[in-house]
Amino acid sequence: MNLKGLWDKYIITKSSGKPLADGFYAIVLRIDGGQYVDACRAGVQAFADAVEELNPLLHDDIETKLWEYETREDVNKQVEG
């Protein structure tokens, strides 16, 4: 297996087209699938929980998105199984 550490796999831009702040760095956590999907979802859930008091709407939106992917996977498993 060809393991890598942290590396620049994605190019991130603002949807507005405005430039990113100097020194901007982000880590992408894929929640739609992949080898590390469970760890990524746990990280995203931890973020949602951490911001719940400051931004309940963001928390709820993230939880909804996580639920959508988990439910979709459950349905696919039932259809395949």
N, C-alpha and C. Protein backbone atom coordinates (compact mmCIF):
# COMPACT_ATOMS: atom_id res chain seq x y z
N MET A 1 0.84 -1.17 0.00
CA MET A 1 0.00 0.00 0.00
C MET A 1 0.89 1.25 0.00
N ASN A 2 0.56 2.19 -0.83
CA ASN A 2 1.34 3.42 -0.94
C ASN A 2 0.73 4.49 -0.05
N LEU A 3 1.17 4.57 1.20
CA LEU A 3 0.64 5.54 2.15
C LEU A 3 1.37 6.87 2.02
N LYS A 4 0.61 7.94 2.18
CA LYS A 4 1.17 9.28 2.18
C LYS A 4 0.75 9.95 3.47
N GLY A 5 1.49 10.92 3.86
CA GLY A 5 1.09 11.75 4.99
C GLY A 5 0.18 12.85 4.48
N LEU A 6 0.26 14.00 5.12
CA LEU A 6 -0.54 15.15 4.70
C LEU A 6 0.05 15.72 3.42
N TRP A 7 -0.78 15.84 2.39
CA TRP A 7 -0.29 16.38 1.13
C TRP A 7 -1.39 17.16 0.44
N ASP A 8 -1.02 18.00 -0.50
CA ASP A 8 -1.96 18.88 -1.19
C ASP A 8 -2.61 18.14 -2.35
N LYS A 9 -3.77 17.57 -2.10
CA LYS A 9 -4.49 16.78 -3.09
C LYS A 9 -5.56 17.59 -3.82
N TYR A 10 -6.13 18.59 -3.15
CA TYR A 10 -7.24 19.36 -3.70
C TYR A 10 -6.85 20.82 -3.87
N ILE A 11 -7.45 21.46 -4.85
CA ILE A 11 -7.31 22.90 -5.04
C ILE A 11 -8.60 23.53 -4.56
N ILE A 12 -8.51 24.44 -3.60
CA ILE A 12 -9.69 25.05 -3.00
C ILE A 12 -9.76 26.50 -3.43
N THR A 13 -10.96 26.91 -3.86
CA THR A 13 -11.21 28.30 -4.22
C THR A 13 -12.52 28.74 -3.58
N LYS A 14 -12.71 30.03 -3.45
CA LYS A 14 -13.98 30.56 -2.96
C LYS A 14 -14.99 30.57 -4.09
N SER A 15 -16.23 30.25 -3.77
CA SER A 15 -17.27 30.25 -4.81
C SER A 15 -17.53 31.67 -5.31
N SER A 16 -17.20 32.68 -4.52
CA SER A 16 -17.37 34.08 -4.93
C SER A 16 -16.31 34.53 -5.92
N GLY A 17 -15.23 33.74 -6.02
CA GLY A 17 -14.12 34.13 -6.88
C GLY A 17 -13.11 35.03 -6.19
N LYS A 18 -13.42 35.46 -4.98
CA LYS A 18 -12.49 36.31 -4.23
C LYS A 18 -11.28 35.49 -3.81
N PRO A 19 -10.14 36.15 -3.64
CA PRO A 19 -8.93 35.41 -3.26
C PRO A 19 -9.01 34.90 -1.82
N LEU A 20 -8.31 33.82 -1.58
CA LEU A 20 -8.19 33.29 -0.23
C LEU A 20 -7.22 34.16 0.57
N ALA A 21 -7.36 34.17 1.87
CA ALA A 21 -6.47 34.94 2.74
C ALA A 21 -5.04 34.41 2.62
N ASP A 22 -4.09 35.29 2.78
CA ASP A 22 -2.69 34.87 2.78
C ASP A 22 -2.48 33.80 3.85
N GLY A 23 -1.78 32.76 3.50
CA GLY A 23 -1.50 31.69 4.44
C GLY A 23 -2.65 30.71 4.63
N PHE A 24 -3.73 30.86 3.86
CA PHE A 24 -4.88 29.96 3.98
C PHE A 24 -4.44 28.52 3.79
N TYR A 25 -4.91 27.64 4.66
CA TYR A 25 -4.67 26.21 4.50
C TYR A 25 -5.89 25.48 5.04
N ALA A 26 -6.34 24.49 4.31
CA ALA A 26 -7.52 23.72 4.72
C ALA A 26 -7.22 22.24 4.58
N ILE A 27 -7.93 21.47 5.36
CA ILE A 27 -7.86 20.02 5.25
C ILE A 27 -9.24 19.54 4.84
N VAL A 28 -9.32 18.79 3.76
CA VAL A 28 -10.58 18.28 3.24
C VAL A 28 -10.87 16.94 3.88
N LEU A 29 -12.07 16.81 4.43
CA LEU A 29 -12.53 15.54 5.01
C LEU A 29 -13.70 15.05 4.18
N ARG A 30 -13.49 14.00 3.40
CA ARG A 30 -14.55 13.48 2.54
C ARG A 30 -15.53 12.64 3.35
N ILE A 31 -16.80 12.97 3.23
CA ILE A 31 -17.83 12.22 3.95
C ILE A 31 -18.67 11.36 3.02
N ASP A 32 -18.35 11.37 1.73
CA ASP A 32 -19.14 10.61 0.76
C ASP A 32 -18.62 9.20 0.54
N GLY A 33 -17.44 8.90 1.00
CA GLY A 33 -16.89 7.56 0.81
C GLY A 33 -15.38 7.62 0.87
N GLY A 34 -14.77 6.48 0.61
CA GLY A 34 -13.32 6.41 0.61
C GLY A 34 -12.79 5.61 1.79
N GLN A 35 -11.52 5.38 1.76
CA GLN A 35 -10.85 4.55 2.74
C GLN A 35 -11.01 5.08 4.17
N TYR A 36 -11.03 6.38 4.34
CA TYR A 36 -11.06 6.99 5.67
C TYR A 36 -12.41 7.61 6.01
N VAL A 37 -13.47 7.17 5.36
CA VAL A 37 -14.78 7.81 5.51
C VAL A 37 -15.25 7.85 6.96
N ASP A 38 -15.06 6.79 7.71
CA ASP A 38 -15.52 6.79 9.10
C ASP A 38 -14.78 7.82 9.93
N ALA A 39 -13.47 7.91 9.74
CA ALA A 39 -12.67 8.91 10.47
C ALA A 39 -13.05 10.32 10.04
N CYS A 40 -13.28 10.52 8.76
CA CYS A 40 -13.67 11.85 8.26
C CYS A 40 -15.02 12.26 8.83
N ARG A 41 -15.96 11.34 8.82
CA ARG A 41 -17.28 11.66 9.38
C ARG A 41 -17.19 11.97 10.87
N ALA A 42 -16.35 11.25 11.59
CA ALA A 42 -16.18 11.53 13.01
C ALA A 42 -15.59 12.93 13.21
N GLY A 43 -14.64 13.30 12.37
CA GLY A 43 -14.05 14.63 12.46
C GLY A 43 -15.04 15.72 12.15
N VAL A 44 -15.86 15.51 11.13
CA VAL A 44 -16.87 16.49 10.77
C VAL A 44 -17.93 16.60 11.87
N GLN A 45 -18.30 15.47 12.46
CA GLN A 45 -19.26 15.49 13.57
C GLN A 45 -18.69 16.24 14.77
N ALA A 46 -17.40 16.04 15.04
CA ALA A 46 -16.76 16.75 16.14
C ALA A 46 -16.77 18.26 15.89
N PHE A 47 -16.52 18.67 14.65
CA PHE A 47 -16.58 20.08 14.30
C PHE A 47 -17.99 20.62 14.50
N ALA A 48 -18.99 19.89 14.01
CA ALA A 48 -20.38 20.32 14.16
C ALA A 48 -20.73 20.50 15.63
N ASP A 49 -20.33 19.56 16.45
CA ASP A 49 -20.61 19.65 17.89
C ASP A 49 -19.91 20.85 18.52
N ALA A 50 -18.69 21.13 18.07
CA ALA A 50 -17.90 22.23 18.64
C ALA A 50 -18.49 23.60 18.29
N VAL A 51 -19.16 23.72 17.14
CA VAL A 51 -19.70 25.03 16.73
C VAL A 51 -21.19 25.17 17.02
N GLU A 52 -21.80 24.15 17.59
CA GLU A 52 -23.25 24.17 17.79
C GLU A 52 -23.74 25.40 18.53
N GLU A 53 -23.05 25.78 19.61
CA GLU A 53 -23.49 26.93 20.39
C GLU A 53 -23.33 28.24 19.61
N LEU A 54 -22.25 28.35 18.84
CA LEU A 54 -22.00 29.57 18.07
C LEU A 54 -22.87 29.67 16.82
N ASN A 55 -23.14 28.52 16.21
CA ASN A 55 -23.90 28.52 14.95
C ASN A 55 -24.76 27.26 14.86
N PRO A 56 -25.92 27.27 15.52
CA PRO A 56 -26.78 26.09 15.52
C PRO A 56 -27.23 25.66 14.12
N LEU A 57 -27.41 26.62 13.22
CA LEU A 57 -27.83 26.28 11.87
C LEU A 57 -26.74 25.50 11.14
N LEU A 58 -25.49 25.91 11.28
CA LEU A 58 -24.38 25.18 10.67
C LEU A 58 -24.32 23.77 11.24
N HIS A 59 -24.44 23.66 12.55
CA HIS A 59 -24.46 22.35 13.20
C HIS A 59 -25.54 21.46 12.60
N ASP A 60 -26.76 21.99 12.49
CA ASP A 60 -27.87 21.20 11.97
C ASP A 60 -27.67 20.83 10.51
N ASP A 61 -27.15 21.75 9.72
CA ASP A 61 -26.89 21.46 8.30
C ASP A 61 -25.86 20.34 8.14
N ILE A 62 -24.81 20.38 8.95
CA ILE A 62 -23.78 19.34 8.88
C ILE A 62 -24.36 18.00 9.31
N GLU A 63 -25.11 17.98 10.40
CA GLU A 63 -25.71 16.73 10.85
C GLU A 63 -26.67 16.16 9.80
N THR A 64 -27.42 17.02 9.14
CA THR A 64 -28.32 16.57 8.08
C THR A 64 -27.54 15.94 6.94
N LYS A 65 -26.45 16.58 6.53
CA LYS A 65 -25.64 16.04 5.44
C LYS A 65 -25.03 14.71 5.82
N LEU A 66 -24.51 14.59 7.03
CA LEU A 66 -23.97 13.31 7.49
C LEU A 66 -25.05 12.23 7.49
N TRP A 67 -26.23 12.58 7.97
CA TRP A 67 -27.35 11.64 8.02
C TRP A 67 -27.73 11.18 6.61
N GLU A 68 -27.74 12.12 5.65
CA GLU A 68 -28.09 11.76 4.26
C GLU A 68 -27.13 10.71 3.71
N TYR A 69 -25.84 10.89 3.92
CA TYR A 69 -24.87 9.93 3.40
C TYR A 69 -24.97 8.59 4.12
N GLU A 70 -25.14 8.61 5.43
CA GLU A 70 -25.25 7.36 6.19
C GLU A 70 -26.51 6.60 5.81
N THR A 71 -27.62 7.32 5.62
CA THR A 71 -28.88 6.69 5.23
C THR A 71 -28.76 6.10 3.83
N ARG A 72 -28.14 6.83 2.92
CA ARG A 72 -27.95 6.35 1.56
C ARG A 72 -27.14 5.05 1.56
N GLU A 73 -26.10 5.00 2.39
CA GLU A 73 -25.30 3.78 2.49
C GLU A 73 -26.10 2.62 3.05
N ASP A 74 -26.93 2.89 4.05
CA ASP A 74 -27.77 1.84 4.64
C ASP A 74 -28.74 1.27 3.60
N VAL A 75 -29.33 2.13 2.79
CA VAL A 75 -30.25 1.68 1.76
C VAL A 75 -29.51 0.86 0.72
N ASN A 76 -28.33 1.30 0.31
CA ASN A 76 -27.54 0.55 -0.68
C ASN A 76 -27.17 -0.82 -0.15
N LYS A 77 -26.82 -0.93 1.13
CA LYS A 77 -26.49 -2.22 1.72
C LYS A 77 -27.69 -3.15 1.71
N GLN A 78 -28.89 -2.62 1.97
CA GLN A 78 -30.10 -3.43 1.98
C GLN A 78 -30.41 -3.94 0.58
N VAL A 79 -30.23 -3.08 -0.41
CA VAL A 79 -30.52 -3.46 -1.80
C VAL A 79 -29.53 -4.52 -2.29
N GLU A 80 -28.26 -4.34 -1.93
CA GLU A 80 -27.21 -5.27 -2.36
C GLU A 80 -27.29 -6.59 -1.60
N GLY A 81 -27.71 -6.54 -0.34
CA GLY A 81 -27.68 -7.72 0.53
C GLY A 81 -28.87 -8.56 0.37
